[in-house]
Amino acid sequence: MKITVIAVGKMKEKYMTEAVGEYAKRLGRYCRLELSEVADEKTPDGASEALKLQIKEKEGGRILQRIPAQAFVIALAVDGRMLDSVELSEQMERWNVSGISHIVFVIGGSLGLAPSVLERADYSLSFSRMTFPHQLMRVILLEQIYRSFQIRSNSPYHK
């Protein structure tokens, strides 16, 4: 299985980059992992809703260009479906058994994901109703993907 994570913005903090690298290394024995960053847009203070939508669509256009046509897309969104770790593992197994060989997870920028990206998504997943920095969300996502594989292999890691 191939897993791609497309995220808006650059990793800036060394400790976050190291954490992403550690989970990428761990995931190497379970899947082919690709990490892809797209540029974020600066949002001026007091930006109108129209400008915010325009910014999200610019970022969304960059995201959509990176998504292969046949990929199964999972958008990380506050209003997505909330799963616990076991449920995510079971869901990933169902996708794999159903013939899905490439999953793309998408992490938006500070304003979230553009409607065009949400429309392209095959599934919407929420980790919480809280907002997380995009750098931290990458670490959380990779840890949960790793945990999913560990659950499927009956490893004691996930407990």
N, C-alpha and C. Protein backbone atom coordinates (compact mmCIF):
# COMPACT_ATOMS: atom_id res chain seq x y z
N MET A 1 0.84 -1.18 0.00
CA MET A 1 0.00 0.00 0.00
C MET A 1 0.88 1.24 0.00
N LYS A 2 0.44 2.25 -0.73
CA LYS A 2 1.14 3.53 -0.74
C LYS A 2 0.29 4.53 0.03
N ILE A 3 0.94 5.30 0.87
CA ILE A 3 0.27 6.37 1.62
C ILE A 3 1.01 7.66 1.34
N THR A 4 0.25 8.66 0.92
CA THR A 4 0.79 9.98 0.69
C THR A 4 0.14 10.95 1.66
N VAL A 5 0.94 11.82 2.23
CA VAL A 5 0.42 12.90 3.06
C VAL A 5 0.75 14.20 2.36
N ILE A 6 -0.29 14.93 1.99
CA ILE A 6 -0.12 16.25 1.38
C ILE A 6 -0.51 17.27 2.43
N ALA A 7 0.40 18.19 2.72
CA ALA A 7 0.14 19.18 3.76
C ALA A 7 0.49 20.57 3.26
N VAL A 8 -0.30 21.53 3.70
CA VAL A 8 -0.05 22.93 3.37
C VAL A 8 0.98 23.48 4.36
N GLY A 9 2.00 24.12 3.83
CA GLY A 9 3.00 24.77 4.67
C GLY A 9 4.24 23.93 4.88
N LYS A 10 5.29 24.58 5.30
CA LYS A 10 6.59 23.95 5.51
C LYS A 10 6.75 23.54 6.97
N MET A 11 7.52 22.48 7.17
CA MET A 11 7.93 22.10 8.51
C MET A 11 9.04 23.05 8.92
N LYS A 12 8.87 23.73 10.06
CA LYS A 12 9.85 24.73 10.47
C LYS A 12 10.61 24.33 11.73
N GLU A 13 9.95 23.63 12.60
CA GLU A 13 10.57 23.27 13.87
C GLU A 13 11.35 21.97 13.74
N LYS A 14 12.60 21.98 14.20
CA LYS A 14 13.46 20.81 14.07
C LYS A 14 12.86 19.60 14.79
N TYR A 15 12.34 19.79 15.99
CA TYR A 15 11.79 18.66 16.74
C TYR A 15 10.58 18.05 16.05
N MET A 16 9.80 18.85 15.35
CA MET A 16 8.66 18.33 14.59
C MET A 16 9.17 17.54 13.38
N THR A 17 10.16 18.09 12.70
CA THR A 17 10.74 17.41 11.54
C THR A 17 11.32 16.06 11.96
N GLU A 18 11.97 16.04 13.12
CA GLU A 18 12.54 14.79 13.62
C GLU A 18 11.45 13.77 13.94
N ALA A 19 10.35 14.23 14.54
CA ALA A 19 9.24 13.33 14.85
C ALA A 19 8.63 12.75 13.57
N VAL A 20 8.42 13.60 12.57
CA VAL A 20 7.90 13.13 11.28
C VAL A 20 8.86 12.11 10.69
N GLY A 21 10.14 12.40 10.76
CA GLY A 21 11.15 11.48 10.23
C GLY A 21 11.14 10.13 10.94
N GLU A 22 10.95 10.16 12.25
CA GLU A 22 10.91 8.91 13.02
C GLU A 22 9.72 8.05 12.60
N TYR A 23 8.54 8.66 12.49
CA TYR A 23 7.37 7.87 12.09
C TYR A 23 7.46 7.44 10.63
N ALA A 24 8.06 8.27 9.79
CA ALA A 24 8.26 7.86 8.39
C ALA A 24 9.15 6.63 8.34
N LYS A 25 10.19 6.62 9.15
CA LYS A 25 11.10 5.46 9.19
C LYS A 25 10.35 4.22 9.68
N ARG A 26 9.57 4.36 10.72
CA ARG A 26 8.81 3.22 11.26
C ARG A 26 7.80 2.69 10.25
N LEU A 27 7.18 3.59 9.52
CA LEU A 27 6.16 3.19 8.55
C LEU A 27 6.76 2.49 7.33
N GLY A 28 8.06 2.66 7.12
CA GLY A 28 8.73 2.08 5.95
C GLY A 28 8.55 0.58 5.83
N ARG A 29 8.35 -0.11 6.94
CA ARG A 29 8.18 -1.57 6.85
C ARG A 29 6.74 -1.98 6.56
N TYR A 30 5.81 -1.02 6.58
CA TYR A 30 4.40 -1.34 6.35
C TYR A 30 3.84 -0.80 5.04
N CYS A 31 4.41 0.30 4.57
CA CYS A 31 3.85 0.95 3.39
C CYS A 31 4.93 1.79 2.71
N ARG A 32 4.60 2.24 1.51
CA ARG A 32 5.45 3.23 0.84
C ARG A 32 4.86 4.58 1.21
N LEU A 33 5.62 5.37 1.92
CA LEU A 33 5.14 6.67 2.40
C LEU A 33 5.76 7.79 1.58
N GLU A 34 4.91 8.72 1.18
CA GLU A 34 5.36 9.92 0.48
C GLU A 34 4.83 11.13 1.24
N LEU A 35 5.70 12.06 1.54
CA LEU A 35 5.31 13.31 2.20
C LEU A 35 5.46 14.44 1.20
N SER A 36 4.41 15.23 1.07
CA SER A 36 4.40 16.29 0.06
C SER A 36 3.90 17.58 0.70
N GLU A 37 4.65 18.64 0.50
CA GLU A 37 4.25 19.95 1.02
C GLU A 37 3.86 20.86 -0.14
N VAL A 38 2.82 21.66 0.11
CA VAL A 38 2.46 22.71 -0.85
C VAL A 38 2.56 24.04 -0.12
N ALA A 39 2.87 25.08 -0.85
CA ALA A 39 3.05 26.41 -0.26
C ALA A 39 1.74 26.90 0.35
N ASP A 40 1.89 27.59 1.48
CA ASP A 40 0.72 28.23 2.09
C ASP A 40 0.68 29.69 1.66
N GLU A 41 -0.48 30.26 1.83
CA GLU A 41 -0.70 31.67 1.52
C GLU A 41 -0.78 32.45 2.84
N LYS A 42 -0.22 33.61 2.85
CA LYS A 42 -0.32 34.46 4.04
C LYS A 42 -1.73 35.04 4.11
N THR A 43 -2.30 35.02 5.31
CA THR A 43 -3.63 35.57 5.54
C THR A 43 -3.48 36.86 6.33
N PRO A 44 -3.84 37.99 5.74
CA PRO A 44 -3.71 39.25 6.47
C PRO A 44 -4.71 39.31 7.63
N ASP A 45 -4.33 40.02 8.69
CA ASP A 45 -5.25 40.22 9.81
C ASP A 45 -6.51 40.91 9.30
N GLY A 46 -7.64 40.47 9.80
CA GLY A 46 -8.91 41.07 9.41
C GLY A 46 -9.35 40.72 8.00
N ALA A 47 -8.84 39.65 7.45
CA ALA A 47 -9.21 39.24 6.09
C ALA A 47 -10.71 38.96 6.01
N SER A 48 -11.32 39.37 4.93
CA SER A 48 -12.75 39.13 4.71
C SER A 48 -12.97 37.64 4.43
N GLU A 49 -14.20 37.20 4.55
CA GLU A 49 -14.54 35.81 4.24
C GLU A 49 -14.25 35.50 2.77
N ALA A 50 -14.48 36.47 1.90
CA ALA A 50 -14.21 36.28 0.47
C ALA A 50 -12.72 36.07 0.24
N LEU A 51 -11.87 36.85 0.92
CA LEU A 51 -10.43 36.70 0.77
C LEU A 51 -9.98 35.37 1.36
N LYS A 52 -10.54 34.97 2.49
CA LYS A 52 -10.19 33.68 3.09
C LYS A 52 -10.53 32.53 2.15
N LEU A 53 -11.68 32.61 1.51
CA LEU A 53 -12.06 31.57 0.54
C LEU A 53 -11.10 31.55 -0.63
N GLN A 54 -10.72 32.74 -1.10
CA GLN A 54 -9.77 32.84 -2.20
C GLN A 54 -8.42 32.21 -1.82
N ILE A 55 -7.98 32.45 -0.60
CA ILE A 55 -6.71 31.87 -0.11
C ILE A 55 -6.83 30.35 -0.05
N LYS A 56 -7.93 29.86 0.50
CA LYS A 56 -8.12 28.41 0.59
C LYS A 56 -8.13 27.77 -0.80
N GLU A 57 -8.76 28.44 -1.75
CA GLU A 57 -8.82 27.89 -3.11
C GLU A 57 -7.44 27.89 -3.78
N LYS A 58 -6.61 28.89 -3.51
CA LYS A 58 -5.25 28.89 -4.05
C LYS A 58 -4.49 27.69 -3.50
N GLU A 59 -4.56 27.51 -2.17
CA GLU A 59 -3.89 26.37 -1.56
C GLU A 59 -4.51 25.07 -2.07
N GLY A 60 -5.83 25.06 -2.21
CA GLY A 60 -6.54 23.88 -2.70
C GLY A 60 -6.13 23.50 -4.10
N GLY A 61 -5.91 24.47 -4.95
CA GLY A 61 -5.44 24.19 -6.31
C GLY A 61 -4.10 23.48 -6.31
N ARG A 62 -3.23 23.92 -5.41
CA ARG A 62 -1.91 23.28 -5.29
C ARG A 62 -2.06 21.84 -4.80
N ILE A 63 -2.96 21.64 -3.86
CA ILE A 63 -3.20 20.29 -3.32
C ILE A 63 -3.74 19.39 -4.43
N LEU A 64 -4.74 19.84 -5.13
CA LEU A 64 -5.39 19.02 -6.16
C LEU A 64 -4.41 18.61 -7.25
N GLN A 65 -3.44 19.46 -7.56
CA GLN A 65 -2.43 19.12 -8.56
C GLN A 65 -1.56 17.95 -8.12
N ARG A 66 -1.46 17.72 -6.84
CA ARG A 66 -0.60 16.65 -6.30
C ARG A 66 -1.33 15.32 -6.12
N ILE A 67 -2.64 15.32 -6.27
CA ILE A 67 -3.42 14.10 -6.02
C ILE A 67 -3.53 13.29 -7.31
N PRO A 68 -3.02 12.05 -7.30
CA PRO A 68 -3.17 11.19 -8.48
C PRO A 68 -4.65 10.86 -8.71
N ALA A 69 -5.02 10.71 -9.95
CA ALA A 69 -6.43 10.50 -10.32
C ALA A 69 -7.05 9.30 -9.62
N GLN A 70 -6.32 8.21 -9.47
CA GLN A 70 -6.90 6.98 -8.92
C GLN A 70 -6.78 6.86 -7.40
N ALA A 71 -6.18 7.86 -6.75
CA ALA A 71 -5.96 7.78 -5.31
C ALA A 71 -7.26 7.93 -4.53
N PHE A 72 -7.30 7.28 -3.39
CA PHE A 72 -8.40 7.42 -2.43
C PHE A 72 -7.99 8.56 -1.49
N VAL A 73 -8.80 9.61 -1.42
CA VAL A 73 -8.42 10.83 -0.71
C VAL A 73 -9.18 10.95 0.60
N ILE A 74 -8.41 11.17 1.65
CA ILE A 74 -8.97 11.40 2.99
C ILE A 74 -8.60 12.81 3.41
N ALA A 75 -9.62 13.65 3.55
CA ALA A 75 -9.41 15.03 3.98
C ALA A 75 -9.49 15.08 5.50
N LEU A 76 -8.51 15.71 6.13
CA LEU A 76 -8.58 15.95 7.56
C LEU A 76 -9.36 17.24 7.76
N ALA A 77 -10.51 17.12 8.38
CA ALA A 77 -11.40 18.26 8.53
C ALA A 77 -12.11 18.19 9.87
N VAL A 78 -12.29 19.32 10.50
CA VAL A 78 -12.93 19.39 11.81
C VAL A 78 -14.30 18.71 11.81
N ASP A 79 -15.04 18.84 10.73
CA ASP A 79 -16.39 18.25 10.69
C ASP A 79 -16.42 16.85 10.08
N GLY A 80 -15.26 16.23 9.95
CA GLY A 80 -15.20 14.87 9.43
C GLY A 80 -15.62 13.85 10.47
N ARG A 81 -15.55 12.61 10.10
CA ARG A 81 -15.93 11.52 11.00
C ARG A 81 -14.82 11.28 12.03
N MET A 82 -15.20 11.16 13.28
CA MET A 82 -14.23 10.88 14.34
C MET A 82 -14.18 9.38 14.59
N LEU A 83 -12.97 8.84 14.58
CA LEU A 83 -12.76 7.42 14.84
C LEU A 83 -11.75 7.29 15.97
N ASP A 84 -11.86 6.20 16.73
CA ASP A 84 -10.77 5.92 17.66
C ASP A 84 -9.70 5.16 16.89
N SER A 85 -8.59 4.86 17.56
CA SER A 85 -7.45 4.25 16.86
C SER A 85 -7.79 2.88 16.28
N VAL A 86 -8.54 2.08 17.02
CA VAL A 86 -8.92 0.76 16.53
C VAL A 86 -9.84 0.89 15.32
N GLU A 87 -10.79 1.81 15.39
CA GLU A 87 -11.71 2.02 14.26
C GLU A 87 -10.95 2.49 13.01
N LEU A 88 -9.97 3.37 13.20
CA LEU A 88 -9.17 3.81 12.05
C LEU A 88 -8.41 2.63 11.45
N SER A 89 -7.83 1.79 12.31
CA SER A 89 -7.12 0.62 11.82
C SER A 89 -8.05 -0.31 11.04
N GLU A 90 -9.23 -0.55 11.58
CA GLU A 90 -10.20 -1.41 10.89
C GLU A 90 -10.63 -0.80 9.56
N GLN A 91 -10.85 0.52 9.56
CA GLN A 91 -11.26 1.20 8.32
C GLN A 91 -10.16 1.12 7.27
N MET A 92 -8.92 1.33 7.69
CA MET A 92 -7.81 1.23 6.73
C MET A 92 -7.70 -0.18 6.18
N GLU A 93 -7.94 -1.18 7.00
CA GLU A 93 -7.91 -2.57 6.53
C GLU A 93 -9.03 -2.81 5.51
N ARG A 94 -10.22 -2.27 5.78
CA ARG A 94 -11.34 -2.43 4.82
C ARG A 94 -10.99 -1.78 3.48
N TRP A 95 -10.39 -0.60 3.54
CA TRP A 95 -10.01 0.05 2.29
C TRP A 95 -8.99 -0.79 1.54
N ASN A 96 -8.03 -1.33 2.25
CA ASN A 96 -7.00 -2.15 1.63
C ASN A 96 -7.61 -3.41 1.01
N VAL A 97 -8.47 -4.08 1.73
CA VAL A 97 -9.11 -5.31 1.24
C VAL A 97 -10.01 -5.02 0.03
N SER A 98 -10.59 -3.83 0.00
CA SER A 98 -11.49 -3.48 -1.11
C SER A 98 -10.72 -3.10 -2.38
N GLY A 99 -9.39 -3.14 -2.32
CA GLY A 99 -8.61 -2.88 -3.52
C GLY A 99 -8.00 -1.49 -3.59
N ILE A 100 -8.17 -0.70 -2.56
CA ILE A 100 -7.55 0.63 -2.56
C ILE A 100 -6.07 0.46 -2.25
N SER A 101 -5.24 0.88 -3.18
CA SER A 101 -3.80 0.67 -3.01
C SER A 101 -3.03 1.96 -2.75
N HIS A 102 -3.71 3.10 -2.91
CA HIS A 102 -3.05 4.39 -2.67
C HIS A 102 -4.01 5.30 -1.92
N ILE A 103 -3.64 5.63 -0.69
CA ILE A 103 -4.43 6.55 0.13
C ILE A 103 -3.67 7.86 0.25
N VAL A 104 -4.36 8.96 0.02
CA VAL A 104 -3.78 10.29 0.16
C VAL A 104 -4.51 11.00 1.30
N PHE A 105 -3.77 11.35 2.34
CA PHE A 105 -4.30 12.16 3.44
C PHE A 105 -3.96 13.61 3.14
N VAL A 106 -4.92 14.51 3.36
CA VAL A 106 -4.71 15.92 3.06
C VAL A 106 -4.91 16.75 4.33
N ILE A 107 -3.87 17.54 4.65
CA ILE A 107 -3.91 18.45 5.80
C ILE A 107 -3.91 19.87 5.26
N GLY A 108 -4.92 20.63 5.60
CA GLY A 108 -5.04 21.99 5.12
C GLY A 108 -4.18 22.97 5.89
N GLY A 109 -4.26 24.21 5.47
CA GLY A 109 -3.52 25.29 6.12
C GLY A 109 -4.32 25.86 7.29
N SER A 110 -3.94 27.05 7.72
CA SER A 110 -4.54 27.66 8.90
C SER A 110 -6.03 27.96 8.74
N LEU A 111 -6.49 28.08 7.50
CA LEU A 111 -7.91 28.36 7.25
C LEU A 111 -8.71 27.09 6.97
N GLY A 112 -8.04 25.97 6.89
CA GLY A 112 -8.72 24.72 6.55
C GLY A 112 -8.58 24.40 5.08
N LEU A 113 -9.45 23.51 4.62
CA LEU A 113 -9.38 23.05 3.23
C LEU A 113 -10.42 23.75 2.37
N ALA A 114 -10.06 23.96 1.12
CA ALA A 114 -10.97 24.56 0.14
C ALA A 114 -12.13 23.62 -0.14
N PRO A 115 -13.30 24.17 -0.45
CA PRO A 115 -14.43 23.33 -0.85
C PRO A 115 -14.08 22.37 -1.99
N SER A 116 -13.24 22.79 -2.92
CA SER A 116 -12.87 21.93 -4.05
C SER A 116 -12.10 20.70 -3.58
N VAL A 117 -11.30 20.82 -2.55
CA VAL A 117 -10.56 19.69 -2.00
C VAL A 117 -11.52 18.76 -1.25
N LEU A 118 -12.42 19.35 -0.48
CA LEU A 118 -13.40 18.55 0.26
C LEU A 118 -14.30 17.78 -0.70
N GLU A 119 -14.63 18.38 -1.83
CA GLU A 119 -15.44 17.69 -2.84
C GLU A 119 -14.68 16.53 -3.47
N ARG A 120 -13.37 16.68 -3.64
CA ARG A 120 -12.55 15.62 -4.22
C ARG A 120 -12.36 14.45 -3.24
N ALA A 121 -12.45 14.75 -1.96
CA ALA A 121 -12.19 13.73 -0.94
C ALA A 121 -13.23 12.61 -1.00
N ASP A 122 -12.73 11.40 -0.77
CA ASP A 122 -13.59 10.23 -0.69
C ASP A 122 -14.05 9.98 0.74
N TYR A 123 -13.36 10.59 1.68
CA TYR A 123 -13.65 10.38 3.09
C TYR A 123 -13.15 11.61 3.84
N SER A 124 -13.87 12.00 4.87
CA SER A 124 -13.47 13.14 5.68
C SER A 124 -13.26 12.64 7.11
N LEU A 125 -12.08 12.90 7.64
CA LEU A 125 -11.68 12.39 8.95
C LEU A 125 -11.35 13.54 9.88
N SER A 126 -11.86 13.44 11.10
CA SER A 126 -11.56 14.45 12.11
C SER A 126 -10.82 13.80 13.27
N PHE A 127 -9.79 14.45 13.73
CA PHE A 127 -9.07 13.97 14.91
C PHE A 127 -9.62 14.62 16.17
N SER A 128 -10.33 15.72 16.01
CA SER A 128 -10.87 16.45 17.14
C SER A 128 -11.62 17.66 16.62
N ARG A 129 -12.45 18.23 17.47
CA ARG A 129 -13.08 19.50 17.09
C ARG A 129 -12.12 20.66 17.36
N MET A 130 -11.00 20.36 18.01
CA MET A 130 -9.99 21.39 18.28
C MET A 130 -9.16 21.65 17.02
N THR A 131 -8.49 22.77 17.02
CA THR A 131 -7.59 23.14 15.93
C THR A 131 -6.16 22.83 16.36
N PHE A 132 -5.39 22.21 15.45
CA PHE A 132 -3.99 21.90 15.73
C PHE A 132 -3.10 22.60 14.70
N PRO A 133 -1.88 22.97 15.09
CA PRO A 133 -0.95 23.51 14.10
C PRO A 133 -0.66 22.44 13.04
N HIS A 134 -0.51 22.85 11.78
CA HIS A 134 -0.34 21.86 10.71
C HIS A 134 0.91 21.01 10.90
N GLN A 135 1.96 21.57 11.49
CA GLN A 135 3.16 20.76 11.74
C GLN A 135 2.86 19.63 12.73
N LEU A 136 2.17 19.97 13.81
CA LEU A 136 1.83 18.97 14.82
C LEU A 136 0.85 17.95 14.25
N MET A 137 -0.05 18.38 13.39
CA MET A 137 -1.03 17.45 12.82
C MET A 137 -0.35 16.39 11.98
N ARG A 138 0.74 16.74 11.33
CA ARG A 138 1.48 15.74 10.55
C ARG A 138 2.03 14.64 11.47
N VAL A 139 2.56 15.07 12.62
CA VAL A 139 3.10 14.10 13.58
C VAL A 139 1.96 13.21 14.10
N ILE A 140 0.87 13.82 14.48
CA ILE A 140 -0.27 13.07 15.01
C ILE A 140 -0.79 12.08 13.97
N LEU A 141 -0.96 12.55 12.74
CA LEU A 141 -1.46 11.69 11.67
C LEU A 141 -0.52 10.50 11.44
N LEU A 142 0.77 10.76 11.30
CA LEU A 142 1.71 9.67 11.05
C LEU A 142 1.75 8.69 12.21
N GLU A 143 1.65 9.20 13.43
CA GLU A 143 1.62 8.30 14.58
C GLU A 143 0.39 7.41 14.53
N GLN A 144 -0.75 7.97 14.17
CA GLN A 144 -1.98 7.17 14.11
C GLN A 144 -1.96 6.17 12.95
N ILE A 145 -1.36 6.53 11.85
CA ILE A 145 -1.21 5.57 10.74
C ILE A 145 -0.31 4.42 11.21
N TYR A 146 0.79 4.77 11.86
CA TYR A 146 1.69 3.74 12.39
C TYR A 146 0.96 2.87 13.41
N ARG A 147 0.22 3.49 14.29
CA ARG A 147 -0.57 2.76 15.29
C ARG A 147 -1.55 1.82 14.60
N SER A 148 -2.17 2.26 13.52
CA SER A 148 -3.11 1.42 12.77
C SER A 148 -2.44 0.14 12.28
N PHE A 149 -1.25 0.29 11.73
CA PHE A 149 -0.52 -0.90 11.27
C PHE A 149 -0.13 -1.78 12.45
N GLN A 150 0.24 -1.17 13.56
CA GLN A 150 0.60 -1.94 14.75
C GLN A 150 -0.60 -2.71 15.30
N ILE A 151 -1.76 -2.10 15.29
CA ILE A 151 -2.99 -2.77 15.73
C ILE A 151 -3.27 -3.96 14.84
N ARG A 152 -3.16 -3.76 13.53
CA ARG A 152 -3.42 -4.84 12.57
C ARG A 152 -2.44 -6.00 12.74
N SER A 153 -1.23 -5.72 13.23
CA SER A 153 -0.25 -6.79 13.40
C SER A 153 -0.23 -7.32 14.85
N ASN A 154 -1.24 -6.92 15.63
CA ASN A 154 -1.36 -7.34 17.04
C ASN A 154 -0.14 -7.00 17.88
N SER A 155 0.48 -5.90 17.60
CA SER A 155 1.63 -5.44 18.37
C SER A 155 1.16 -4.81 19.68
N PRO A 156 1.94 -4.94 20.75
CA PRO A 156 1.56 -4.31 22.01
C PRO A 156 1.72 -2.78 21.98
N TYR A 157 2.33 -2.23 20.93
CA TYR A 157 2.57 -0.77 20.85
C TYR A 157 1.32 0.04 21.09
N HIS A 158 0.22 -0.39 20.51
CA HIS A 158 -0.98 0.46 20.47
C HIS A 158 -1.70 0.60 21.81
N LYS A 159 -1.33 -0.17 22.81
CA LYS A 159 -2.05 -0.13 24.09
C LYS A 159 -1.49 0.90 25.03
